[in-house]
Amino acid sequence: MINTFSGINITSKNPEAMVRFYTKKLGIPILGDDPGFDGVEIGFNADHPRVWIWDENKWGKANTGAVTLVFGCDDHDKTYKELISKGVELDPPKTAVWGGKEMYVKDPDGNTILIL
């Protein structure tokens, strides 16, 4: 039966811009080499869930709507300052109703990124 979650596929009409946003702005590593920006695997290691970014022009849309990707950080204030310095538009971190800190960011295609 199902015993693991590998990751999520997202597609983009501009996969190069998406890959550059996630890797250059958010600092998420590329796990595999794909110079054509079609099927780029990003994440922190192959043993944890990853994100695959595909060329929507070639493969069609992988999901039926925008998704929310959830990432973690150690220091929201430091992460906020670093993202702002890289030109990422986002509101300052806030304390959520459940008590933890969170920040929201939109990627170039409008997917929501929640940083816990």
C-alpha atoms as a PDB file:
ATOM      1  CA  MET A   1       0.000   0.000   0.000  1.00  0.00           C
ATOM      2  CA  ILE A   2       1.051   3.664  -0.095  1.00  0.00           C
ATOM      3  CA  ASN A   3       3.850   4.266   2.397  1.00  0.00           C
ATOM      4  CA  THR A   4       5.566   7.522   1.442  1.00  0.00           C
ATOM      5  CA  PHE A   5       4.981  10.976  -0.019  1.00  0.00           C
ATOM      6  CA  SER A   6       7.589  11.834  -2.652  1.00  0.00           C
ATOM      7  CA  GLY A   7       6.598  15.375  -3.527  1.00  0.00           C
ATOM      8  CA  ILE A   8       4.473  17.452  -5.853  1.00  0.00           C
ATOM      9  CA  ASN A   9       4.481  18.304  -9.557  1.00  0.00           C
ATOM     10  CA  ILE A  10       3.807  21.868 -10.588  1.00  0.00           C
ATOM     11  CA  THR A  11       3.817  23.208 -14.116  1.00  0.00           C
ATOM     12  CA  SER A  12       4.609  26.647 -15.424  1.00  0.00           C
ATOM     13  CA  LYS A  13       4.406  28.403 -18.749  1.00  0.00           C
ATOM     14  CA  ASN A  14       7.778  29.887 -17.760  1.00  0.00           C
ATOM     15  CA  PRO A  15       9.573  27.071 -15.911  1.00  0.00           C
ATOM     16  CA  GLU A  16      12.940  28.835 -16.032  1.00  0.00           C
ATOM     17  CA  ALA A  17      11.548  31.817 -14.093  1.00  0.00           C
ATOM     18  CA  MET A  18       9.926  29.450 -11.591  1.00  0.00           C
ATOM     19  CA  VAL A  19      13.152  27.500 -11.042  1.00  0.00           C
ATOM     20  CA  ARG A  20      15.159  30.696 -10.642  1.00  0.00           C
ATOM     21  CA  PHE A  21      12.623  32.060  -8.108  1.00  0.00           C
ATOM     22  CA  TYR A  22      12.722  28.941  -5.943  1.00  0.00           C
ATOM     23  CA  THR A  23      16.489  28.484  -6.154  1.00  0.00           C
ATOM     24  CA  LYS A  24      17.872  32.042  -6.313  1.00  0.00           C
ATOM     25  CA  LYS A  25      15.285  33.915  -4.236  1.00  0.00           C
ATOM     26  CA  LEU A  26      14.171  31.238  -1.755  1.00  0.00           C
ATOM     27  CA  GLY A  27      17.427  29.271  -1.681  1.00  0.00           C
ATOM     28  CA  ILE A  28      15.938  25.834  -2.352  1.00  0.00           C
ATOM     29  CA  PRO A  29      18.563  23.598  -4.001  1.00  0.00           C
ATOM     30  CA  ILE A  30      18.205  21.868  -7.361  1.00  0.00           C
ATOM     31  CA  LEU A  31      18.539  18.126  -6.819  1.00  0.00           C
ATOM     32  CA  GLY A  32      19.010  17.101 -10.421  1.00  0.00           C
ATOM     33  CA  ASP A  33      20.581  18.653 -13.490  1.00  0.00           C
ATOM     34  CA  ASP A  34      18.093  19.797 -16.127  1.00  0.00           C
ATOM     35  CA  PRO A  35      19.490  22.569 -18.311  1.00  0.00           C
ATOM     36  CA  GLY A  36      16.245  22.667 -20.347  1.00  0.00           C
ATOM     37  CA  PHE A  37      14.098  23.595 -17.316  1.00  0.00           C
ATOM     38  CA  ASP A  38      11.680  20.727 -17.936  1.00  0.00           C
ATOM     39  CA  GLY A  39      11.303  18.450 -14.944  1.00  0.00           C
ATOM     40  CA  VAL A  40      13.610  20.296 -12.576  1.00  0.00           C
ATOM     41  CA  GLU A  41      13.639  18.655  -9.144  1.00  0.00           C
ATOM     42  CA  ILE A  42      14.095  20.978  -6.179  1.00  0.00           C
ATOM     43  CA  GLY A  43      14.224  20.188  -2.477  1.00  0.00           C
ATOM     44  CA  PHE A  44      16.601  19.628   0.371  1.00  0.00           C
ATOM     45  CA  ASN A  45      17.426  15.972  -0.236  1.00  0.00           C
ATOM     46  CA  ALA A  46      16.011  12.979  -2.060  1.00  0.00           C
ATOM     47  CA  ASP A  47      14.790  11.410   1.206  1.00  0.00           C
ATOM     48  CA  HIS A  48      12.279  14.228   1.808  1.00  0.00           C
ATOM     49  CA  PRO A  49       9.380  15.461  -0.340  1.00  0.00           C
ATOM     50  CA  ARG A  50      10.489  17.386  -3.391  1.00  0.00           C
ATOM     51  CA  VAL A  51       8.935  19.709  -5.953  1.00  0.00           C
ATOM     52  CA  TRP A  52       9.211  19.011  -9.661  1.00  0.00           C
ATOM     53  CA  ILE A  53       8.760  21.971 -11.990  1.00  0.00           C
ATOM     54  CA  TRP A  54       7.619  21.021 -15.496  1.00  0.00           C
ATOM     55  CA  ASP A  55       7.152  22.978 -18.715  1.00  0.00           C
ATOM     56  CA  GLU A  56       3.383  23.472 -19.007  1.00  0.00           C
ATOM     57  CA  ASN A  57       3.748  24.385 -22.694  1.00  0.00           C
ATOM     58  CA  LYS A  58       5.082  20.887 -23.364  1.00  0.00           C
ATOM     59  CA  TRP A  59       3.190  18.697 -20.870  1.00  0.00           C
ATOM     60  CA  GLY A  60      -0.001  20.604 -20.084  1.00  0.00           C
ATOM     61  CA  LYS A  61      -1.115  21.757 -16.656  1.00  0.00           C
ATOM     62  CA  ALA A  62      -0.225  19.337 -13.838  1.00  0.00           C
ATOM     63  CA  ASN A  63      -2.678  20.700 -11.293  1.00  0.00           C
ATOM     64  CA  THR A  64      -6.188  22.088 -11.578  1.00  0.00           C
ATOM     65  CA  GLY A  65      -5.547  25.190  -9.468  1.00  0.00           C
ATOM     66  CA  ALA A  66      -2.922  27.037  -7.543  1.00  0.00           C
ATOM     67  CA  VAL A  67      -1.256  25.054  -4.769  1.00  0.00           C
ATOM     68  CA  THR A  68       0.160  25.982  -1.383  1.00  0.00           C
ATOM     69  CA  LEU A  69       3.705  24.818  -0.753  1.00  0.00           C
ATOM     70  CA  VAL A  70       4.793  24.744   2.882  1.00  0.00           C
ATOM     71  CA  PHE A  71       8.432  25.265   3.867  1.00  0.00           C
ATOM     72  CA  GLY A  72      10.106  25.794   7.224  1.00  0.00           C
ATOM     73  CA  CYS A  73      12.748  28.186   8.511  1.00  0.00           C
ATOM     74  CA  ASP A  74      14.639  28.665  11.769  1.00  0.00           C
ATOM     75  CA  ASP A  75      14.259  32.440  12.120  1.00  0.00           C
ATOM     76  CA  HIS A  76      11.343  34.251  10.492  1.00  0.00           C
ATOM     77  CA  ASP A  77      12.726  37.746  11.063  1.00  0.00           C
ATOM     78  CA  LYS A  78      16.101  36.884   9.531  1.00  0.00           C
ATOM     79  CA  THR A  79      14.439  35.028   6.639  1.00  0.00           C
ATOM     80  CA  TYR A  80      12.107  37.974   6.023  1.00  0.00           C
ATOM     81  CA  LYS A  81      15.038  40.416   5.821  1.00  0.00           C
ATOM     82  CA  GLU A  82      16.959  38.102   3.492  1.00  0.00           C
ATOM     83  CA  LEU A  83      13.980  37.616   1.166  1.00  0.00           C
ATOM     84  CA  ILE A  84      13.286  41.375   1.069  1.00  0.00           C
ATOM     85  CA  SER A  85      16.949  41.996   0.176  1.00  0.00           C
ATOM     86  CA  LYS A  86      16.512  39.607  -2.780  1.00  0.00           C
ATOM     87  CA  GLY A  87      13.499  41.534  -4.049  1.00  0.00           C
ATOM     88  CA  VAL A  88      10.822  39.103  -2.858  1.00  0.00           C
ATOM     89  CA  GLU A  89       7.543  40.852  -2.069  1.00  0.00           C
ATOM     90  CA  LEU A  90       5.979  39.643   1.178  1.00  0.00           C
ATOM     91  CA  ASP A  91       4.449  40.886   4.394  1.00  0.00           C
ATOM     92  CA  PRO A  92       6.420  40.661   7.648  1.00  0.00           C
ATOM     93  CA  PRO A  93       6.049  37.460   9.685  1.00  0.00           C
ATOM     94  CA  LYS A  94       3.020  37.261  11.921  1.00  0.00           C
ATOM     95  CA  THR A  95       1.877  35.061  14.745  1.00  0.00           C
ATOM     96  CA  ALA A  96      -0.903  32.778  13.547  1.00  0.00           C
ATOM     97  CA  VAL A  97      -4.018  31.917  15.533  1.00  0.00           C
ATOM     98  CA  TRP A  98      -2.431  28.564  16.397  1.00  0.00           C
ATOM     99  CA  GLY A  99       0.524  30.358  18.035  1.00  0.00           C
ATOM    100  CA  GLY A 100       3.354  29.802  15.556  1.00  0.00           C
ATOM    101  CA  LYS A 101       4.975  32.339  13.239  1.00  0.00           C
ATOM    102  CA  GLU A 102       4.283  32.281   9.519  1.00  0.00           C
ATOM    103  CA  MET A 103       4.865  34.250   6.322  1.00  0.00           C
ATOM    104  CA  TYR A 104       3.179  34.016   2.943  1.00  0.00           C
ATOM    105  CA  VAL A 105       4.831  34.524  -0.449  1.00  0.00           C
ATOM    106  CA  LYS A 106       3.524  34.115  -4.006  1.00  0.00           C
ATOM    107  CA  ASP A 107       5.691  32.485  -6.669  1.00  0.00           C
ATOM    108  CA  PRO A 108       5.745  33.865 -10.248  1.00  0.00           C
ATOM    109  CA  ASP A 109       2.734  31.702 -11.199  1.00  0.00           C
ATOM    110  CA  GLY A 110       0.631  32.701  -8.188  1.00  0.00           C
ATOM    111  CA  ASN A 111       1.119  29.589  -6.080  1.00  0.00           C
ATOM    112  CA  THR A 112       1.125  30.363  -2.375  1.00  0.00           C
ATOM    113  CA  ILE A 113       4.227  29.584  -0.324  1.00  0.00           C
ATOM    114  CA  LEU A 114       3.714  29.335   3.420  1.00  0.00           C
ATOM    115  CA  ILE A 115       6.898  29.602   5.478  1.00  0.00           C
ATOM    116  CA  LEU A 116       6.496  28.153   8.953  1.00  0.00           C
END
